[in-house]
Every structure is written in C-alpha cells, then in structure tokens.
Amino acid sequence: MKPVSDQNYYELLEVPYHATWGDIQKAYQLAKKTYTGNTLAADPLFSPEDRAAIFKKMEEAYQTLSQADKRKAYDDKLAQTGTLDIPTRQEGSPAPPTEVIPQIENVTGHVLKGLREARGLSLQEIAYKTRINPTYLSSIEEDQMQSLPPEVYLRGYLTQYAQILRLDAGRVTGSYLQHYHRWKDQNR
C-alpha cells in the first residue's frame, strides 16, 4: 500500500474513478468514523497526530471529489500527469449522456429519470444536492402531475434538476412545463 502522502484522492477514499457522489459520501463518512474520535481500528495503528493528518487529507479529497467543478479540474490534472488512466469509450459502447438533449422533443419525467440513471445518480443524491423534497422529485420523474408543487416552485425544481444532470436547464424546464400544461388542459 502506498503511503498516504503518495495516494491520490480516489485511492485515499478507496473509491473508483467513476464513483458516484453517494459512493464518495459513504467513503468520507467511513473515514470520518475511522480517523476521528476513539476507534479501536485506528488506535493501535496511528498516533492521534497521524490520524488528524490523514483525516485532513481525506477532508481535502472529499471537498474536491464531491464538487463537480473541482473534481473535473482534479481529474484533468491527474490525467495530464499520467497518474490516472481515465477510461475511454470503446467503439460500439453507448455514448455517455450529452450535455443537451437535441433528439428529444418532449421532456417527460420518465426521460429525466432515464438520464439521471444513465449518469449514475440516485434520487437521494439529487435531493441532497438541491435540497428539494424527494417526494417532489419522484413526482416529477413519475409524471404524477397532481402531486407536483405550484408551477413557480416546479420551474425552480426543474432548473436545479437539469443543472445537476448538466443539461440545458432552459430547454428541460420549458419542455417539461409544456408537458405539464398539456396535462392541466386535459384535466380541466
């Protein structure tokens, strides 16, 4: 095993390069339990000063990997130095979700759910990052129009949801609201 000082953030938190936000969160919580406070696992191995130093580095790793912009910059740095072999897409394998959705005319909740799952994000992760009630997010994804909040809130929720998925927020919100208005018109 490499010394802590030689490990990259992924190695430190013991997560793969493609780890989701939830994986990183779990790894960080485990590190926090292990290296802070009194744990039998770490006591015989590290002095209190060593544990504090290791946890400080793990805190840096978490702060970097849990924020998309910082993580991208860190990954780019690792790729440039050759210390991280970022997997490339094989010929014939499905392309990752695009930043915009040009081929989809009507954005529905089911489309959004599929894009979220393709990005490897759970509904709980989105709820945590956006502070949106998971019930509303589930209603959006399941097209349960009668359970949605007032339109002014729905617009904001859709914008945040799209931003987390790195989609064109204006296009997603506009298209979904058209879908919502069609439903309202049919149910008057």
C-alpha atoms as a PDB file:
ATOM      1  CA  MET A   1       0.000   0.000   0.000  1.00  0.00           C
ATOM      2  CA  LYS A   2       1.278   3.453  -0.893  1.00  0.00           C
ATOM      3  CA  PRO A   3       1.995   5.946   1.864  1.00  0.00           C
ATOM      4  CA  VAL A   4      -0.875   8.380   2.416  1.00  0.00           C
ATOM      5  CA  SER A   5       1.187  11.245   1.033  1.00  0.00           C
ATOM      6  CA  ASP A   6       1.573   9.404  -2.321  1.00  0.00           C
ATOM      7  CA  GLN A   7      -2.094   8.462  -2.756  1.00  0.00           C
ATOM      8  CA  ASN A   8      -4.447  10.406  -4.987  1.00  0.00           C
ATOM      9  CA  TYR A   9      -7.857  11.388  -3.655  1.00  0.00           C
ATOM     10  CA  TYR A  10      -9.578   8.326  -5.130  1.00  0.00           C
ATOM     11  CA  GLU A  11      -7.051   5.995  -3.519  1.00  0.00           C
ATOM     12  CA  LEU A  12      -7.319   7.830  -0.213  1.00  0.00           C
ATOM     13  CA  LEU A  13     -11.085   7.446  -0.031  1.00  0.00           C
ATOM     14  CA  GLU A  14     -10.852   3.977  -1.605  1.00  0.00           C
ATOM     15  CA  VAL A  15     -13.350   4.750  -4.367  1.00  0.00           C
ATOM     16  CA  PRO A  16     -13.052   4.117  -8.113  1.00  0.00           C
ATOM     17  CA  TYR A  17     -12.593   6.953 -10.596  1.00  0.00           C
ATOM     18  CA  HIS A  18     -16.214   6.598 -11.730  1.00  0.00           C
ATOM     19  CA  ALA A  19     -17.584   6.718  -8.147  1.00  0.00           C
ATOM     20  CA  THR A  20     -20.900   8.463  -7.719  1.00  0.00           C
ATOM     21  CA  TRP A  21     -21.462  11.290  -5.304  1.00  0.00           C
ATOM     22  CA  GLY A  22     -23.128   8.789  -2.945  1.00  0.00           C
ATOM     23  CA  ASP A  23     -20.081   6.486  -3.045  1.00  0.00           C
ATOM     24  CA  ILE A  24     -17.827   9.412  -2.170  1.00  0.00           C
ATOM     25  CA  GLN A  25     -20.154  10.487   0.647  1.00  0.00           C
ATOM     26  CA  LYS A  26     -20.165   6.958   2.143  1.00  0.00           C
ATOM     27  CA  ALA A  27     -16.378   6.667   1.909  1.00  0.00           C
ATOM     28  CA  TYR A  28     -15.931  10.032   3.590  1.00  0.00           C
ATOM     29  CA  GLN A  29     -18.316   9.126   6.430  1.00  0.00           C
ATOM     30  CA  LEU A  30     -16.378   5.887   6.997  1.00  0.00           C
ATOM     31  CA  ALA A  31     -13.084   7.794   7.033  1.00  0.00           C
ATOM     32  CA  LYS A  32     -14.532  10.277   9.484  1.00  0.00           C
ATOM     33  CA  LYS A  33     -15.571   7.473  11.848  1.00  0.00           C
ATOM     34  CA  THR A  34     -12.197   5.778  11.488  1.00  0.00           C
ATOM     35  CA  TYR A  35      -9.848   8.721  11.863  1.00  0.00           C
ATOM     36  CA  THR A  36     -11.673  10.993  14.292  1.00  0.00           C
ATOM     37  CA  GLY A  37     -12.721  10.149  17.806  1.00  0.00           C
ATOM     38  CA  ASN A  38     -11.811   6.944  19.549  1.00  0.00           C
ATOM     39  CA  THR A  39     -11.985   3.918  17.314  1.00  0.00           C
ATOM     40  CA  LEU A  40     -10.392   0.611  18.073  1.00  0.00           C
ATOM     41  CA  ALA A  41      -9.483   0.085  14.415  1.00  0.00           C
ATOM     42  CA  ALA A  42      -7.173   3.089  14.137  1.00  0.00           C
ATOM     43  CA  ASP A  43      -5.864   3.372  17.710  1.00  0.00           C
ATOM     44  CA  PRO A  44      -3.069   0.781  17.534  1.00  0.00           C
ATOM     45  CA  LEU A  45      -2.004   1.824  14.031  1.00  0.00           C
ATOM     46  CA  PHE A  46      -1.721   5.614  14.215  1.00  0.00           C
ATOM     47  CA  SER A  47      -0.914   8.229  16.784  1.00  0.00           C
ATOM     48  CA  PRO A  48      -3.571  10.908  17.340  1.00  0.00           C
ATOM     49  CA  GLU A  49      -1.407  13.357  15.335  1.00  0.00           C
ATOM     50  CA  ASP A  50      -1.101  10.916  12.417  1.00  0.00           C
ATOM     51  CA  ARG A  51      -4.845  10.284  12.422  1.00  0.00           C
ATOM     52  CA  ALA A  52      -5.515  14.037  12.366  1.00  0.00           C
ATOM     53  CA  ALA A  53      -3.117  14.491   9.428  1.00  0.00           C
ATOM     54  CA  ILE A  54      -4.655  11.594   7.496  1.00  0.00           C
ATOM     55  CA  PHE A  55      -8.166  12.864   8.130  1.00  0.00           C
ATOM     56  CA  LYS A  56      -7.175  16.363   6.997  1.00  0.00           C
ATOM     57  CA  LYS A  57      -6.029  14.913   3.670  1.00  0.00           C
ATOM     58  CA  MET A  58      -9.237  12.880   3.401  1.00  0.00           C
ATOM     59  CA  GLU A  59     -11.234  16.044   4.090  1.00  0.00           C
ATOM     60  CA  GLU A  60      -9.414  17.699   1.152  1.00  0.00           C
ATOM     61  CA  ALA A  61     -10.215  14.663  -1.001  1.00  0.00           C
ATOM     62  CA  TYR A  62     -13.888  14.801  -0.078  1.00  0.00           C
ATOM     63  CA  GLN A  63     -14.143  18.558  -0.671  1.00  0.00           C
ATOM     64  CA  THR A  64     -12.611  18.118  -4.127  1.00  0.00           C
ATOM     65  CA  LEU A  65     -14.379  14.969  -5.309  1.00  0.00           C
ATOM     66  CA  SER A  66     -17.827  15.956  -4.047  1.00  0.00           C
ATOM     67  CA  GLN A  67     -17.965  19.155  -6.126  1.00  0.00           C
ATOM     68  CA  ALA A  68     -18.291  18.646  -9.868  1.00  0.00           C
ATOM     69  CA  ASP A  69     -16.137  21.578 -10.991  1.00  0.00           C
ATOM     70  CA  LYS A  70     -13.313  20.821  -8.543  1.00  0.00           C
ATOM     71  CA  ARG A  71     -13.465  17.113  -9.386  1.00  0.00           C
ATOM     72  CA  LYS A  72     -13.194  17.792 -13.118  1.00  0.00           C
ATOM     73  CA  ALA A  73     -10.166  20.052 -12.591  1.00  0.00           C
ATOM     74  CA  TYR A  74      -8.563  17.419 -10.344  1.00  0.00           C
ATOM     75  CA  ASP A  75      -9.253  14.623 -12.853  1.00  0.00           C
ATOM     76  CA  ASP A  76      -7.784  16.736 -15.652  1.00  0.00           C
ATOM     77  CA  LYS A  77      -4.663  17.319 -13.562  1.00  0.00           C
ATOM     78  CA  LEU A  78      -4.295  13.595 -12.834  1.00  0.00           C
ATOM     79  CA  ALA A  79      -4.825  12.718 -16.488  1.00  0.00           C
ATOM     80  CA  GLN A  80      -2.202  15.251 -17.615  1.00  0.00           C
ATOM     81  CA  THR A  81       0.376  13.906 -15.188  1.00  0.00           C
ATOM     82  CA  GLY A  82      -0.436  10.344 -16.191  1.00  0.00           C
ATOM     83  CA  THR A  83      -1.320   9.308 -12.646  1.00  0.00           C
ATOM     84  CA  LEU A  84      -4.914   8.470 -13.528  1.00  0.00           C
ATOM     85  CA  ASP A  85      -5.858   6.381 -16.506  1.00  0.00           C
ATOM     86  CA  ILE A  86      -9.273   7.717 -17.413  1.00  0.00           C
ATOM     87  CA  PRO A  87     -11.161   5.016 -19.281  1.00  0.00           C
ATOM     88  CA  THR A  88     -12.084   5.893 -22.826  1.00  0.00           C
ATOM     89  CA  ARG A  89     -15.258   4.781 -24.535  1.00  0.00           C
ATOM     90  CA  GLN A  90     -14.839   1.629 -26.578  1.00  0.00           C
ATOM     91  CA  GLU A  91     -16.107   1.538 -30.148  1.00  0.00           C
ATOM     92  CA  GLY A  92     -19.700   0.324 -30.157  1.00  0.00           C
ATOM     93  CA  SER A  93     -20.324   1.088 -26.483  1.00  0.00           C
ATOM     94  CA  PRO A  94     -23.096   3.519 -25.655  1.00  0.00           C
ATOM     95  CA  ALA A  95     -22.125   7.160 -25.563  1.00  0.00           C
ATOM     96  CA  PRO A  96     -22.425   8.966 -22.265  1.00  0.00           C
ATOM     97  CA  PRO A  97     -25.406  11.294 -21.925  1.00  0.00           C
ATOM     98  CA  THR A  98     -24.868  14.514 -23.816  1.00  0.00           C
ATOM     99  CA  GLU A  99     -24.931  17.962 -22.302  1.00  0.00           C
ATOM    100  CA  VAL A 100     -28.074  18.866 -24.218  1.00  0.00           C
ATOM    101  CA  ILE A 101     -30.971  16.769 -25.384  1.00  0.00           C
ATOM    102  CA  PRO A 102     -31.283  17.591 -29.093  1.00  0.00           C
ATOM    103  CA  GLN A 103     -33.026  14.365 -30.146  1.00  0.00           C
ATOM    104  CA  ILE A 104     -35.775  14.561 -27.518  1.00  0.00           C
ATOM    105  CA  GLU A 105     -38.686  16.783 -28.421  1.00  0.00           C
ATOM    106  CA  ASN A 106     -40.825  16.211 -25.326  1.00  0.00           C
ATOM    107  CA  VAL A 107     -39.089  16.040 -21.966  1.00  0.00           C
ATOM    108  CA  THR A 108     -41.132  13.967 -19.540  1.00  0.00           C
ATOM    109  CA  GLY A 109     -40.373  12.699 -16.079  1.00  0.00           C
ATOM    110  CA  HIS A 110     -39.529   9.291 -17.482  1.00  0.00           C
ATOM    111  CA  VAL A 111     -36.958  10.861 -19.820  1.00  0.00           C
ATOM    112  CA  LEU A 112     -35.399  12.740 -16.896  1.00  0.00           C
ATOM    113  CA  LYS A 113     -35.307   9.590 -14.782  1.00  0.00           C
ATOM    114  CA  GLY A 114     -33.534   7.712 -17.589  1.00  0.00           C
ATOM    115  CA  LEU A 115     -30.946  10.471 -17.954  1.00  0.00           C
ATOM    116  CA  ARG A 116     -30.390  10.569 -14.184  1.00  0.00           C
ATOM    117  CA  GLU A 117     -29.887   6.809 -14.045  1.00  0.00           C
ATOM    118  CA  ALA A 118     -27.535   6.947 -17.041  1.00  0.00           C
ATOM    119  CA  ARG A 119     -25.402   9.429 -15.099  1.00  0.00           C
ATOM    120  CA  GLY A 120     -25.311   7.042 -12.137  1.00  0.00           C
ATOM    121  CA  LEU A 121     -27.092   9.389  -9.744  1.00  0.00           C
ATOM    122  CA  SER A 122     -29.702   8.350  -7.230  1.00  0.00           C
ATOM    123  CA  LEU A 123     -32.788  10.381  -6.492  1.00  0.00           C
ATOM    124  CA  GLN A 124     -31.485  10.825  -2.942  1.00  0.00           C
ATOM    125  CA  GLU A 125     -28.263  12.381  -4.257  1.00  0.00           C
ATOM    126  CA  ILE A 126     -30.218  14.932  -6.260  1.00  0.00           C
ATOM    127  CA  ALA A 127     -32.462  15.661  -3.286  1.00  0.00           C
ATOM    128  CA  TYR A 128     -29.420  16.173  -1.071  1.00  0.00           C
ATOM    129  CA  LYS A 129     -27.619  18.436  -3.538  1.00  0.00           C
ATOM    130  CA  THR A 130     -30.660  20.556  -4.392  1.00  0.00           C
ATOM    131  CA  ARG A 131     -32.476  20.418  -1.041  1.00  0.00           C
ATOM    132  CA  ILE A 132     -35.656  19.545  -2.945  1.00  0.00           C
ATOM    133  CA  ASN A 133     -38.095  17.238  -1.187  1.00  0.00           C
ATOM    134  CA  PRO A 134     -37.573  13.732  -2.656  1.00  0.00           C
ATOM    135  CA  THR A 135     -41.353  13.332  -2.916  1.00  0.00           C
ATOM    136  CA  TYR A 136     -41.487  16.190  -5.431  1.00  0.00           C
ATOM    137  CA  LEU A 137     -38.546  14.774  -7.372  1.00  0.00           C
ATOM    138  CA  SER A 138     -40.251  11.396  -7.518  1.00  0.00           C
ATOM    139  CA  SER A 139     -43.495  13.052  -8.671  1.00  0.00           C
ATOM    140  CA  ILE A 140     -41.586  14.821 -11.451  1.00  0.00           C
ATOM    141  CA  GLU A 141     -39.927  11.588 -12.602  1.00  0.00           C
ATOM    142  CA  GLU A 142     -43.156   9.575 -12.458  1.00  0.00           C
ATOM    143  CA  ASP A 143     -45.175  12.334 -14.192  1.00  0.00           C
ATOM    144  CA  GLN A 144     -47.566  12.437 -11.236  1.00  0.00           C
ATOM    145  CA  MET A 145     -48.840  15.869 -12.212  1.00  0.00           C
ATOM    146  CA  GLN A 146     -51.484  16.044  -9.494  1.00  0.00           C
ATOM    147  CA  SER A 147     -48.736  15.729  -6.846  1.00  0.00           C
ATOM    148  CA  LEU A 148     -46.481  18.476  -8.197  1.00  0.00           C
ATOM    149  CA  PRO A 149     -45.973  21.755  -6.339  1.00  0.00           C
ATOM    150  CA  PRO A 150     -47.261  25.081  -7.712  1.00  0.00           C
ATOM    151  CA  GLU A 151     -45.734  25.973 -11.072  1.00  0.00           C
ATOM    152  CA  VAL A 152     -43.410  28.660  -9.706  1.00  0.00           C
ATOM    153  CA  TYR A 153     -41.719  26.033  -7.487  1.00  0.00           C
ATOM    154  CA  LEU A 154     -41.850  23.377 -10.190  1.00  0.00           C
ATOM    155  CA  ARG A 155     -39.936  25.682 -12.547  1.00  0.00           C
ATOM    156  CA  GLY A 156     -37.169  26.138  -9.971  1.00  0.00           C
ATOM    157  CA  TYR A 157     -37.027  22.428  -9.176  1.00  0.00           C
ATOM    158  CA  LEU A 158     -36.734  21.502 -12.842  1.00  0.00           C
ATOM    159  CA  THR A 159     -33.969  24.061 -13.346  1.00  0.00           C
ATOM    160  CA  GLN A 160     -31.952  22.663 -10.427  1.00  0.00           C
ATOM    161  CA  TYR A 161     -32.575  19.078 -11.517  1.00  0.00           C
ATOM    162  CA  ALA A 162     -31.349  19.837 -15.039  1.00  0.00           C
ATOM    163  CA  GLN A 163     -28.259  21.635 -13.736  1.00  0.00           C
ATOM    164  CA  ILE A 164     -27.285  18.640 -11.589  1.00  0.00           C
ATOM    165  CA  LEU A 165     -27.558  16.449 -14.702  1.00  0.00           C
ATOM    166  CA  ARG A 166     -25.518  19.008 -16.699  1.00  0.00           C
ATOM    167  CA  LEU A 167     -28.377  19.539 -19.137  1.00  0.00           C
ATOM    168  CA  ASP A 168     -29.655  22.707 -20.771  1.00  0.00           C
ATOM    169  CA  ALA A 169     -31.860  23.902 -17.900  1.00  0.00           C
ATOM    170  CA  GLY A 170     -33.925  26.286 -20.032  1.00  0.00           C
ATOM    171  CA  ARG A 171     -34.741  23.627 -22.580  1.00  0.00           C
ATOM    172  CA  VAL A 172     -35.540  20.943 -19.990  1.00  0.00           C
ATOM    173  CA  THR A 173     -37.724  23.279 -17.944  1.00  0.00           C
ATOM    174  CA  GLY A 174     -39.569  24.674 -20.978  1.00  0.00           C
ATOM    175  CA  SER A 175     -40.256  21.264 -22.467  1.00  0.00           C
ATOM    176  CA  TYR A 176     -41.381  19.699 -19.196  1.00  0.00           C
ATOM    177  CA  LEU A 177     -43.677  22.650 -18.455  1.00  0.00           C
ATOM    178  CA  GLN A 178     -45.280  22.216 -21.901  1.00  0.00           C
ATOM    179  CA  HIS A 179     -45.913  18.586 -20.942  1.00  0.00           C
ATOM    180  CA  TYR A 180     -47.370  19.789 -17.614  1.00  0.00           C
ATOM    181  CA  HIS A 181     -49.627  22.387 -19.303  1.00  0.00           C
ATOM    182  CA  ARG A 182     -50.980  19.768 -21.731  1.00  0.00           C
ATOM    183  CA  TRP A 183     -51.938  17.636 -18.737  1.00  0.00           C
ATOM    184  CA  LYS A 184     -53.585  20.607 -16.996  1.00  0.00           C
ATOM    185  CA  ASP A 185     -55.590  21.464 -20.116  1.00  0.00           C
ATOM    186  CA  GLN A 186     -56.825  17.871 -20.436  1.00  0.00           C
ATOM    187  CA  ASN A 187     -57.878  17.743 -16.785  1.00  0.00           C
ATOM    188  CA  ARG A 188     -59.885  20.943 -16.557  1.00  0.00           C
END
